[in-house]
């Protein structure tokens, strides 16, 4: 049997490029499958939080590198352009101390918010 196959350099490079594309596609697919498995395992082990931050609730707030703010009332979230003379362009949590003064904390600086008293919703 006389097979006259002329393999050129272009064909070799095409096979190498095709193999690389197939490896990239395989990596993407296997990564997505792994992420889906991890997400399902995480949801099975850690249930979703039933509560969220409530306006009117009282919190202890711990922030990066500062002393904690204890027993402050959550008033809401404000964009700092609306808050007055604040120069950073982010959103802030707004808290009120027992003395009535307001505290504006950048969301990125808040580490932990420990809920003290939840606001009870009263039926009308």
C-alpha atoms as a PDB file:
ATOM      1  CA  UNK A   1       0.000   0.000   0.000  1.00  0.00           C
ATOM      2  CA  UNK A   2       1.466   3.253  -1.087  1.00  0.00           C
ATOM      3  CA  UNK A   3       0.063   6.147   0.910  1.00  0.00           C
ATOM      4  CA  UNK A   4       1.322   9.453  -0.299  1.00  0.00           C
ATOM      5  CA  UNK A   5       0.475  11.781   2.581  1.00  0.00           C
ATOM      6  CA  UNK A   6       2.237  15.076   2.588  1.00  0.00           C
ATOM      7  CA  UNK A   7       1.918  16.647   6.032  1.00  0.00           C
ATOM      8  CA  UNK A   8       2.834  20.289   5.802  1.00  0.00           C
ATOM      9  CA  UNK A   9       3.790  22.705   8.549  1.00  0.00           C
ATOM     10  CA  UNK A  10       0.421  24.449   8.175  1.00  0.00           C
ATOM     11  CA  UNK A  11      -1.429  21.243   8.942  1.00  0.00           C
ATOM     12  CA  UNK A  12       0.697  20.657  12.040  1.00  0.00           C
ATOM     13  CA  UNK A  13      -0.003  24.170  13.323  1.00  0.00           C
ATOM     14  CA  UNK A  14      -3.712  23.738  12.617  1.00  0.00           C
ATOM     15  CA  UNK A  15      -3.748  20.523  14.681  1.00  0.00           C
ATOM     16  CA  UNK A  16      -1.857  22.224  17.538  1.00  0.00           C
ATOM     17  CA  UNK A  17      -4.237  25.205  17.498  1.00  0.00           C
ATOM     18  CA  UNK A  18      -7.244  22.868  17.392  1.00  0.00           C
ATOM     19  CA  UNK A  19      -5.917  20.894  20.354  1.00  0.00           C
ATOM     20  CA  UNK A  20      -5.377  24.115  22.328  1.00  0.00           C
ATOM     21  CA  UNK A  21      -8.913  25.312  21.608  1.00  0.00           C
ATOM     22  CA  UNK A  22     -10.298  21.952  22.703  1.00  0.00           C
ATOM     23  CA  UNK A  23      -8.295  22.122  25.957  1.00  0.00           C
ATOM     24  CA  UNK A  24      -9.578  25.647  26.663  1.00  0.00           C
ATOM     25  CA  UNK A  25     -13.192  24.584  26.058  1.00  0.00           C
ATOM     26  CA  UNK A  26     -12.676  21.529  28.280  1.00  0.00           C
ATOM     27  CA  UNK A  27     -11.246  23.754  31.054  1.00  0.00           C
ATOM     28  CA  UNK A  28     -14.181  26.155  30.890  1.00  0.00           C
ATOM     29  CA  UNK A  29     -16.754  23.362  30.991  1.00  0.00           C
ATOM     30  CA  UNK A  30     -15.047  21.505  33.846  1.00  0.00           C
ATOM     31  CA  UNK A  31     -14.704  24.749  35.831  1.00  0.00           C
ATOM     32  CA  UNK A  32     -18.411  25.495  35.427  1.00  0.00           C
ATOM     33  CA  UNK A  33     -19.315  21.979  36.548  1.00  0.00           C
ATOM     34  CA  UNK A  34     -17.049  22.284  39.588  1.00  0.00           C
ATOM     35  CA  UNK A  35     -18.492  25.705  40.514  1.00  0.00           C
ATOM     36  CA  UNK A  36     -22.033  24.316  40.227  1.00  0.00           C
ATOM     37  CA  UNK A  37     -21.131  21.440  42.577  1.00  0.00           C
ATOM     38  CA  UNK A  38     -19.504  23.794  45.088  1.00  0.00           C
ATOM     39  CA  UNK A  39     -22.514  26.136  45.010  1.00  0.00           C
ATOM     40  CA  UNK A  40     -24.923  23.239  45.595  1.00  0.00           C
ATOM     41  CA  UNK A  41     -22.802  21.941  48.487  1.00  0.00           C
ATOM     42  CA  UNK A  42     -22.541  25.421  50.017  1.00  0.00           C
ATOM     43  CA  UNK A  43     -26.320  25.915  49.811  1.00  0.00           C
ATOM     44  CA  UNK A  44     -26.893  22.510  51.384  1.00  0.00           C
ATOM     45  CA  UNK A  45     -24.511  23.157  54.297  1.00  0.00           C
ATOM     46  CA  UNK A  46     -25.222  26.859  54.890  1.00  0.00           C
ATOM     47  CA  UNK A  47     -28.905  27.788  54.704  1.00  0.00           C
ATOM     48  CA  UNK A  48     -29.888  31.198  53.421  1.00  0.00           C
ATOM     49  CA  UNK A  49     -30.268  33.982  55.959  1.00  0.00           C
ATOM     50  CA  UNK A  50     -33.842  34.523  56.978  1.00  0.00           C
ATOM     51  CA  UNK A  51     -33.407  38.119  58.045  1.00  0.00           C
ATOM     52  CA  UNK A  52     -31.738  41.136  56.546  1.00  0.00           C
ATOM     53  CA  UNK A  53     -30.819  44.615  57.669  1.00  0.00           C
ATOM     54  CA  UNK A  54     -34.003  46.332  58.837  1.00  0.00           C
ATOM     55  CA  UNK A  55     -34.615  50.047  59.157  1.00  0.00           C
ATOM     56  CA  UNK A  56     -35.248  50.914  62.796  1.00  0.00           C
ATOM     57  CA  UNK A  57     -33.346  47.918  64.190  1.00  0.00           C
ATOM     58  CA  UNK A  58     -30.467  48.444  66.593  1.00  0.00           C
ATOM     59  CA  UNK A  59     -26.981  47.107  65.856  1.00  0.00           C
ATOM     60  CA  UNK A  60     -23.432  46.894  67.138  1.00  0.00           C
ATOM     61  CA  UNK A  61     -21.287  47.851  64.141  1.00  0.00           C
ATOM     62  CA  UNK A  62     -17.644  46.837  63.792  1.00  0.00           C
ATOM     63  CA  UNK A  63     -15.599  48.619  61.135  1.00  0.00           C
ATOM     64  CA  UNK A  64     -12.068  48.216  59.786  1.00  0.00           C
ATOM     65  CA  UNK A  65      -9.411  49.490  62.176  1.00  0.00           C
ATOM     66  CA  UNK A  66     -11.732  51.583  64.329  1.00  0.00           C
ATOM     67  CA  UNK A  67     -13.576  51.259  67.603  1.00  0.00           C
ATOM     68  CA  UNK A  68     -17.026  49.664  67.346  1.00  0.00           C
ATOM     69  CA  UNK A  69     -20.214  51.669  67.313  1.00  0.00           C
ATOM     70  CA  UNK A  70     -22.479  50.139  69.932  1.00  0.00           C
ATOM     71  CA  UNK A  71     -26.267  50.281  70.115  1.00  0.00           C
ATOM     72  CA  UNK A  72     -26.898  52.380  66.998  1.00  0.00           C
ATOM     73  CA  UNK A  73     -30.146  52.455  65.014  1.00  0.00           C
ATOM     74  CA  UNK A  74     -30.055  51.705  61.291  1.00  0.00           C
ATOM     75  CA  UNK A  75     -31.748  54.490  59.299  1.00  0.00           C
ATOM     76  CA  UNK A  76     -30.991  53.437  55.734  1.00  0.00           C
ATOM     77  CA  UNK A  77     -28.562  53.646  52.852  1.00  0.00           C
ATOM     78  CA  UNK A  78     -27.657  56.850  51.057  1.00  0.00           C
ATOM     79  CA  UNK A  79     -25.464  57.679  48.082  1.00  0.00           C
ATOM     80  CA  UNK A  80     -22.753  59.988  49.378  1.00  0.00           C
ATOM     81  CA  UNK A  81     -23.450  62.652  46.752  1.00  0.00           C
ATOM     82  CA  UNK A  82     -26.857  63.050  48.443  1.00  0.00           C
ATOM     83  CA  UNK A  83     -25.346  63.165  51.935  1.00  0.00           C
ATOM     84  CA  UNK A  84     -23.706  66.547  51.716  1.00  0.00           C
ATOM     85  CA  UNK A  85     -19.998  67.300  51.812  1.00  0.00           C
ATOM     86  CA  UNK A  86     -18.722  63.726  51.677  1.00  0.00           C
ATOM     87  CA  UNK A  87     -15.969  63.423  49.092  1.00  0.00           C
ATOM     88  CA  UNK A  88     -15.883  59.702  48.355  1.00  0.00           C
ATOM     89  CA  UNK A  89     -18.225  58.411  45.694  1.00  0.00           C
ATOM     90  CA  UNK A  90     -19.757  55.350  47.324  1.00  0.00           C
ATOM     91  CA  UNK A  91     -22.891  54.314  49.122  1.00  0.00           C
ATOM     92  CA  UNK A  92     -23.032  54.621  52.903  1.00  0.00           C
ATOM     93  CA  UNK A  93     -24.987  53.104  55.740  1.00  0.00           C
ATOM     94  CA  UNK A  94     -26.696  55.699  57.912  1.00  0.00           C
ATOM     95  CA  UNK A  95     -26.946  55.017  61.647  1.00  0.00           C
ATOM     96  CA  UNK A  96     -28.282  57.141  64.504  1.00  0.00           C
ATOM     97  CA  UNK A  97     -26.758  57.099  67.983  1.00  0.00           C
ATOM     98  CA  UNK A  98     -28.823  57.293  71.154  1.00  0.00           C
ATOM     99  CA  UNK A  99     -27.846  60.986  71.379  1.00  0.00           C
ATOM    100  CA  UNK A 100     -29.501  61.599  67.998  1.00  0.00           C
ATOM    101  CA  UNK A 101     -26.351  62.278  65.963  1.00  0.00           C
ATOM    102  CA  UNK A 102     -26.036  60.517  62.624  1.00  0.00           C
ATOM    103  CA  UNK A 103     -23.159  58.308  61.538  1.00  0.00           C
ATOM    104  CA  UNK A 104     -22.353  57.751  57.858  1.00  0.00           C
ATOM    105  CA  UNK A 105     -20.249  54.626  57.285  1.00  0.00           C
ATOM    106  CA  UNK A 106     -18.998  53.491  53.890  1.00  0.00           C
ATOM    107  CA  UNK A 107     -20.370  50.044  53.100  1.00  0.00           C
ATOM    108  CA  UNK A 108     -16.878  48.756  52.285  1.00  0.00           C
ATOM    109  CA  UNK A 109     -15.576  49.695  55.750  1.00  0.00           C
ATOM    110  CA  UNK A 110     -18.245  47.797  57.711  1.00  0.00           C
ATOM    111  CA  UNK A 111     -16.999  44.382  58.851  1.00  0.00           C
ATOM    112  CA  UNK A 112     -19.784  43.101  61.130  1.00  0.00           C
ATOM    113  CA  UNK A 113     -23.284  44.259  62.012  1.00  0.00           C
ATOM    114  CA  UNK A 114     -24.612  42.487  65.099  1.00  0.00           C
ATOM    115  CA  UNK A 115     -28.361  42.900  65.489  1.00  0.00           C
ATOM    116  CA  UNK A 116     -29.460  43.807  69.012  1.00  0.00           C
ATOM    117  CA  UNK A 117     -33.183  44.509  68.799  1.00  0.00           C
ATOM    118  CA  UNK A 118     -35.351  43.722  65.814  1.00  0.00           C
ATOM    119  CA  UNK A 119     -38.210  46.014  64.920  1.00  0.00           C
ATOM    120  CA  UNK A 120     -41.503  44.227  65.282  1.00  0.00           C
ATOM    121  CA  UNK A 121     -43.925  44.865  62.482  1.00  0.00           C
ATOM    122  CA  UNK A 122     -47.348  45.790  63.793  1.00  0.00           C
ATOM    123  CA  UNK A 123     -50.380  44.803  61.770  1.00  0.00           C
ATOM    124  CA  UNK A 124     -52.579  47.794  60.798  1.00  0.00           C
END
